[in-house]
PDB file of all heavy atoms in Angstrom:
ATOM      1  N   ALA A   1       0.828  -1.207   0.000  1.00  0.00           N
ATOM      2  CA  ALA A   1       0.000   0.000   0.000  1.00  0.00           C
ATOM      3  C   ALA A   1       0.860   1.253   0.000  1.00  0.00           C
ATOM      4  O   ALA A   1       0.560   2.235  -0.688  1.00  0.00           O
ATOM      5  CB  ALA A   1      -0.931  -0.011   1.212  1.00  0.00           C
ATOM      6  N   ALA A   2       1.951   1.230   0.783  1.00  0.00           N
ATOM      7  CA  ALA A   2       2.851   2.392   0.807  1.00  0.00           C
ATOM      8  C   ALA A   2       3.480   2.605  -0.561  1.00  0.00           C
ATOM      9  O   ALA A   2       3.629   3.742  -1.025  1.00  0.00           O
ATOM     10  CB  ALA A   2       3.927   2.197   1.871  1.00  0.00           C
ATOM     11  N   GLY A   3       3.848   1.500  -1.228  1.00  0.00           N
ATOM     12  CA  GLY A   3       4.417   1.633  -2.563  1.00  0.00           C
ATOM     13  C   GLY A   3       3.416   2.166  -3.570  1.00  0.00           C
ATOM     14  O   GLY A   3       3.754   2.981  -4.428  1.00  0.00           O
ATOM     15  N   ASP A   4       2.144   1.721  -3.433  1.00  0.00           N
ATOM     16  CA  ASP A   4       1.108   2.203  -4.346  1.00  0.00           C
ATOM     17  C   ASP A   4       0.881   3.707  -4.196  1.00  0.00           C
ATOM     18  O   ASP A   4       0.626   4.416  -5.175  1.00  0.00           O
ATOM     19  CB  ASP A   4      -0.208   1.462  -4.082  1.00  0.00           C
ATOM     20  CG  ASP A   4      -0.171   0.035  -4.594  1.00  0.00           C
ATOM     21  OD1 ASP A   4       0.726  -0.269  -5.398  1.00  0.00           O
ATOM     22  OD2 ASP A   4      -1.029  -0.763  -4.193  1.00  0.00           O
ATOM     23  N   GLN A   5       0.957   4.191  -2.971  1.00  0.00           N
ATOM     24  CA  GLN A   5       0.654   5.597  -2.721  1.00  0.00           C
ATOM     25  C   GLN A   5       1.902   6.482  -2.753  1.00  0.00           C
ATOM     26  O   GLN A   5       1.799   7.704  -2.765  1.00  0.00           O
ATOM     27  CB  GLN A   5      -0.067   5.739  -1.379  1.00  0.00           C
ATOM     28  CG  GLN A   5      -1.337   4.915  -1.345  1.00  0.00           C
ATOM     29  CD  GLN A   5      -2.254   5.247  -0.193  1.00  0.00           C
ATOM     30  OE1 GLN A   5      -2.455   6.399   0.133  1.00  0.00           O
ATOM     31  NE2 GLN A   5      -2.803   4.222   0.424  1.00  0.00           N
ATOM     32  N   GLN A   6       3.070   5.841  -2.797  1.00  0.00           N
ATOM     33  CA  GLN A   6       4.312   6.604  -2.848  1.00  0.00           C
ATOM     34  C   GLN A   6       4.403   7.459  -4.112  1.00  0.00           C
ATOM     35  O   GLN A   6       5.041   8.516  -4.113  1.00  0.00           O
ATOM     36  CB  GLN A   6       5.502   5.637  -2.791  1.00  0.00           C
ATOM     37  CG  GLN A   6       6.875   6.296  -2.931  1.00  0.00           C
ATOM     38  CD  GLN A   6       7.137   7.276  -1.809  1.00  0.00           C
ATOM     39  OE1 GLN A   6       6.702   7.034  -0.683  1.00  0.00           O
ATOM     40  NE2 GLN A   6       7.819   8.362  -2.101  1.00  0.00           N
ATOM     41  N   HIS A   7       3.738   7.010  -5.177  1.00  0.00           N
ATOM     42  CA  HIS A   7       3.866   7.764  -6.424  1.00  0.00           C
ATOM     43  C   HIS A   7       3.235   9.151  -6.299  1.00  0.00           C
ATOM     44  O   HIS A   7       3.566  10.058  -7.069  1.00  0.00           O
ATOM     45  CB  HIS A   7       3.236   6.991  -7.590  1.00  0.00           C
ATOM     46  CG  HIS A   7       1.753   7.027  -7.639  1.00  0.00           C
ATOM     47  ND1 HIS A   7       0.959   6.176  -6.920  1.00  0.00           N
ATOM     48  CD2 HIS A   7       0.892   7.832  -8.337  1.00  0.00           C
ATOM     49  CE1 HIS A   7      -0.300   6.432  -7.166  1.00  0.00           C
ATOM     50  NE2 HIS A   7      -0.386   7.432  -8.019  1.00  0.00           N
ATOM     51  N   PHE A   8       2.325   9.345  -5.338  1.00  0.00           N
ATOM     52  CA  PHE A   8       1.769  10.674  -5.127  1.00  0.00           C
ATOM     53  C   PHE A   8       2.840  11.618  -4.585  1.00  0.00           C
ATOM     54  O   PHE A   8       2.936  12.773  -5.000  1.00  0.00           O
ATOM     55  CB  PHE A   8       0.589  10.627  -4.160  1.00  0.00           C
ATOM     56  CG  PHE A   8      -0.699  10.261  -4.828  1.00  0.00           C
ATOM     57  CD1 PHE A   8      -1.331   9.075  -4.535  1.00  0.00           C
ATOM     58  CD2 PHE A   8      -1.282  11.100  -5.770  1.00  0.00           C
ATOM     59  CE1 PHE A   8      -2.517   8.728  -5.149  1.00  0.00           C
ATOM     60  CE2 PHE A   8      -2.468  10.769  -6.390  1.00  0.00           C
ATOM     61  CZ  PHE A   8      -3.086   9.574  -6.085  1.00  0.00           C
ATOM     62  N   VAL A   9       3.636  11.121  -3.646  1.00  0.00           N
ATOM     63  CA  VAL A   9       4.722  11.941  -3.094  1.00  0.00           C
ATOM     64  C   VAL A   9       5.750  12.224  -4.172  1.00  0.00           C
ATOM     65  O   VAL A   9       6.174  13.370  -4.366  1.00  0.00           O
ATOM     66  CB  VAL A   9       5.371  11.234  -1.887  1.00  0.00           C
ATOM     67  CG1 VAL A   9       6.515  12.069  -1.335  1.00  0.00           C
ATOM     68  CG2 VAL A   9       4.337  10.980  -0.793  1.00  0.00           C
ATOM     69  N   ALA A  10       6.161  11.169  -4.890  1.00  0.00           N
ATOM     70  CA  ALA A  10       7.148  11.357  -5.947  1.00  0.00           C
ATOM     71  C   ALA A  10       6.594  12.251  -7.055  1.00  0.00           C
ATOM     72  O   ALA A  10       7.308  13.116  -7.589  1.00  0.00           O
ATOM     73  CB  ALA A  10       7.562  10.003  -6.521  1.00  0.00           C
ATOM     74  N   GLY A  11       5.316  12.054  -7.391  1.00  0.00           N
ATOM     75  CA  GLY A  11       4.710  12.887  -8.434  1.00  0.00           C
ATOM     76  C   GLY A  11       4.634  14.345  -8.033  1.00  0.00           C
ATOM     77  O   GLY A  11       4.900  15.243  -8.844  1.00  0.00           O
ATOM     78  N   ALA A  12       4.286  14.614  -6.762  1.00  0.00           N
ATOM     79  CA  ALA A  12       4.231  15.996  -6.292  1.00  0.00           C
ATOM     80  C   ALA A  12       5.609  16.628  -6.309  1.00  0.00           C
ATOM     81  O   ALA A  12       5.771  17.799  -6.678  1.00  0.00           O
ATOM     82  CB  ALA A  12       3.643  16.044  -4.885  1.00  0.00           C
ATOM     83  N   SER A  13       6.619  15.857  -5.912  1.00  0.00           N
ATOM     84  CA  SER A  13       7.987  16.385  -5.915  1.00  0.00           C
ATOM     85  C   SER A  13       8.438  16.743  -7.333  1.00  0.00           C
ATOM     86  O   SER A  13       9.013  17.810  -7.577  1.00  0.00           O
ATOM     87  CB  SER A  13       8.933  15.355  -5.297  1.00  0.00           C
ATOM     88  OG  SER A  13      10.261  15.810  -5.325  1.00  0.00           O
ATOM     89  N   GLN A  14       8.176  15.846  -8.291  1.00  0.00           N
ATOM     90  CA  GLN A  14       8.563  16.108  -9.679  1.00  0.00           C
ATOM     91  C   GLN A  14       7.772  17.274 -10.279  1.00  0.00           C
ATOM     92  O   GLN A  14       8.315  18.083 -11.030  1.00  0.00           O
ATOM     93  CB  GLN A  14       8.365  14.840 -10.505  1.00  0.00           C
ATOM     94  CG  GLN A  14       9.275  13.691 -10.099  1.00  0.00           C
ATOM     95  CD  GLN A  14       8.884  12.379 -10.744  1.00  0.00           C
ATOM     96  OE1 GLN A  14       7.951  12.322 -11.553  1.00  0.00           O
ATOM     97  NE2 GLN A  14       9.577  11.304 -10.385  1.00  0.00           N
ATOM     98  N   PHE A  15       6.494  17.345  -9.928  1.00  0.00           N
ATOM     99  CA  PHE A  15       5.645  18.417 -10.438  1.00  0.00           C
ATOM    100  C   PHE A  15       6.162  19.782  -9.978  1.00  0.00           C
ATOM    101  O   PHE A  15       6.285  20.732 -10.769  1.00  0.00           O
ATOM    102  CB  PHE A  15       4.214  18.188  -9.956  1.00  0.00           C
ATOM    103  CG  PHE A  15       3.223  19.194 -10.451  1.00  0.00           C
ATOM    104  CD1 PHE A  15       2.727  19.151 -11.747  1.00  0.00           C
ATOM    105  CD2 PHE A  15       2.776  20.206  -9.616  1.00  0.00           C
ATOM    106  CE1 PHE A  15       1.804  20.081 -12.204  1.00  0.00           C
ATOM    107  CE2 PHE A  15       1.852  21.138 -10.059  1.00  0.00           C
ATOM    108  CZ  PHE A  15       1.366  21.084 -11.356  1.00  0.00           C
ATOM    109  N   LEU A  16       6.489  19.881  -8.684  1.00  0.00           N
ATOM    110  CA  LEU A  16       6.984  21.149  -8.145  1.00  0.00           C
ATOM    111  C   LEU A  16       8.374  21.477  -8.695  1.00  0.00           C
ATOM    112  O   LEU A  16       8.693  22.656  -8.926  1.00  0.00           O
ATOM    113  CB  LEU A  16       7.017  21.088  -6.617  1.00  0.00           C
ATOM    114  CG  LEU A  16       5.648  21.035  -5.926  1.00  0.00           C
ATOM    115  CD1 LEU A  16       5.813  20.833  -4.421  1.00  0.00           C
ATOM    116  CD2 LEU A  16       4.851  22.307  -6.203  1.00  0.00           C
ATOM    117  N   ALA A  17       9.203  20.450  -8.892  1.00  0.00           N
ATOM    118  CA  ALA A  17      10.538  20.679  -9.453  1.00  0.00           C
ATOM    119  C   ALA A  17      10.437  21.234 -10.869  1.00  0.00           C
ATOM    120  O   ALA A  17      11.207  22.132 -11.264  1.00  0.00           O
ATOM    121  CB  ALA A  17      11.343  19.380  -9.440  1.00  0.00           C
ATOM    122  N   ALA A  18       9.463  20.723 -11.653  1.00  0.00           N
ATOM    123  CA  ALA A  18       9.280  21.236 -13.004  1.00  0.00           C
ATOM    124  C   ALA A  18       8.780  22.676 -12.981  1.00  0.00           C
ATOM    125  O   ALA A  18       9.224  23.524 -13.776  1.00  0.00           O
ATOM    126  CB  ALA A  18       8.305  20.333 -13.767  1.00  0.00           C
ATOM    127  N   LEU A  19       7.865  22.983 -12.053  1.00  0.00           N
ATOM    128  CA  LEU A  19       7.355  24.355 -11.951  1.00  0.00           C
ATOM    129  C   LEU A  19       8.449  25.331 -11.519  1.00  0.00           C
ATOM    130  O   LEU A  19       8.433  26.509 -11.905  1.00  0.00           O
ATOM    131  CB  LEU A  19       6.206  24.414 -10.942  1.00  0.00           C
ATOM    132  CG  LEU A  19       4.811  24.006 -11.429  1.00  0.00           C
ATOM    133  CD1 LEU A  19       3.798  24.172 -10.294  1.00  0.00           C
ATOM    134  CD2 LEU A  19       4.400  24.843 -12.624  1.00  0.00           C
ATOM    135  N   ASP A  20       9.381  24.858 -10.749  1.00  0.00           N
ATOM    136  CA  ASP A  20      10.434  25.729 -10.238  1.00  0.00           C
ATOM    137  C   ASP A  20      11.298  26.304 -11.358  1.00  0.00           C
ATOM    138  O   ASP A  20      11.930  27.352 -11.200  1.00  0.00           O
ATOM    139  CB  ASP A  20      11.305  24.935  -9.246  1.00  0.00           C
ATOM    140  CG  ASP A  20      12.306  25.823  -8.525  1.00  0.00           C
ATOM    141  OD1 ASP A  20      11.965  26.984  -8.223  1.00  0.00           O
ATOM    142  OD2 ASP A  20      13.421  25.356  -8.254  1.00  0.00           O
ATOM    143  N   ASP A  21      11.324  25.613 -12.482  1.00  0.00           N
ATOM    144  CA  ASP A  21      12.136  26.077 -13.608  1.00  0.00           C
ATOM    145  C   ASP A  21      11.393  27.046 -14.527  1.00  0.00           C
ATOM    146  O   ASP A  21      11.983  27.594 -15.464  1.00  0.00           O
ATOM    147  CB  ASP A  21      12.618  24.871 -14.441  1.00  0.00           C
ATOM    148  CG  ASP A  21      13.641  24.032 -13.687  1.00  0.00           C
ATOM    149  OD1 ASP A  21      14.378  24.613 -12.866  1.00  0.00           O
ATOM    150  OD2 ASP A  21      13.686  22.810 -13.912  1.00  0.00           O
ATOM    151  N   VAL A  22      10.102  27.264 -14.271  1.00  0.00           N
ATOM    152  CA  VAL A  22       9.312  28.161 -15.113  1.00  0.00           C
ATOM    153  C   VAL A  22       9.651  29.615 -14.776  1.00  0.00           C
ATOM    154  O   VAL A  22       9.687  29.988 -13.597  1.00  0.00           O
ATOM    155  CB  VAL A  22       7.803  27.898 -14.902  1.00  0.00           C
ATOM    156  CG1 VAL A  22       6.969  28.895 -15.693  1.00  0.00           C
ATOM    157  CG2 VAL A  22       7.457  26.465 -15.309  1.00  0.00           C
ATOM    158  N   PRO A  23       9.928  30.469 -15.773  1.00  0.00           N
ATOM    159  CA  PRO A  23      10.298  31.865 -15.499  1.00  0.00           C
ATOM    160  C   PRO A  23       9.270  32.613 -14.660  1.00  0.00           C
ATOM    161  O   PRO A  23       9.644  33.434 -13.809  1.00  0.00           O
ATOM    162  CB  PRO A  23      10.425  32.467 -16.897  1.00  0.00           C
ATOM    163  CG  PRO A  23      10.773  31.307 -17.780  1.00  0.00           C
ATOM    164  CD  PRO A  23      10.051  30.146 -17.216  1.00  0.00           C
ATOM    165  N   ALA A  24       7.992  32.349 -14.882  1.00  0.00           N
ATOM    166  CA  ALA A  24       6.969  33.050 -14.112  1.00  0.00           C
ATOM    167  C   ALA A  24       7.120  32.789 -12.619  1.00  0.00           C
ATOM    168  O   ALA A  24       6.826  33.653 -11.778  1.00  0.00           O
ATOM    169  CB  ALA A  24       5.580  32.623 -14.576  1.00  0.00           C
ATOM    170  N   VAL A  25       7.573  31.592 -12.270  1.00  0.00           N
ATOM    171  CA  VAL A  25       7.781  31.248 -10.855  1.00  0.00           C
ATOM    172  C   VAL A  25       9.110  31.812 -10.376  1.00  0.00           C
ATOM    173  O   VAL A  25       9.203  32.405  -9.293  1.00  0.00           O
ATOM    174  CB  VAL A  25       7.721  29.722 -10.666  1.00  0.00           C
ATOM    175  CG1 VAL A  25       8.063  29.342  -9.229  1.00  0.00           C
ATOM    176  CG2 VAL A  25       6.339  29.189 -11.038  1.00  0.00           C
TER     177      VAL A  25
END
């Protein structure tokens, strides 16, 4: 169950990392 839901944490981390590179941010 932890592995199934871990992708939410990893996905949020990757999502925010991608946004961090946007000039508007």
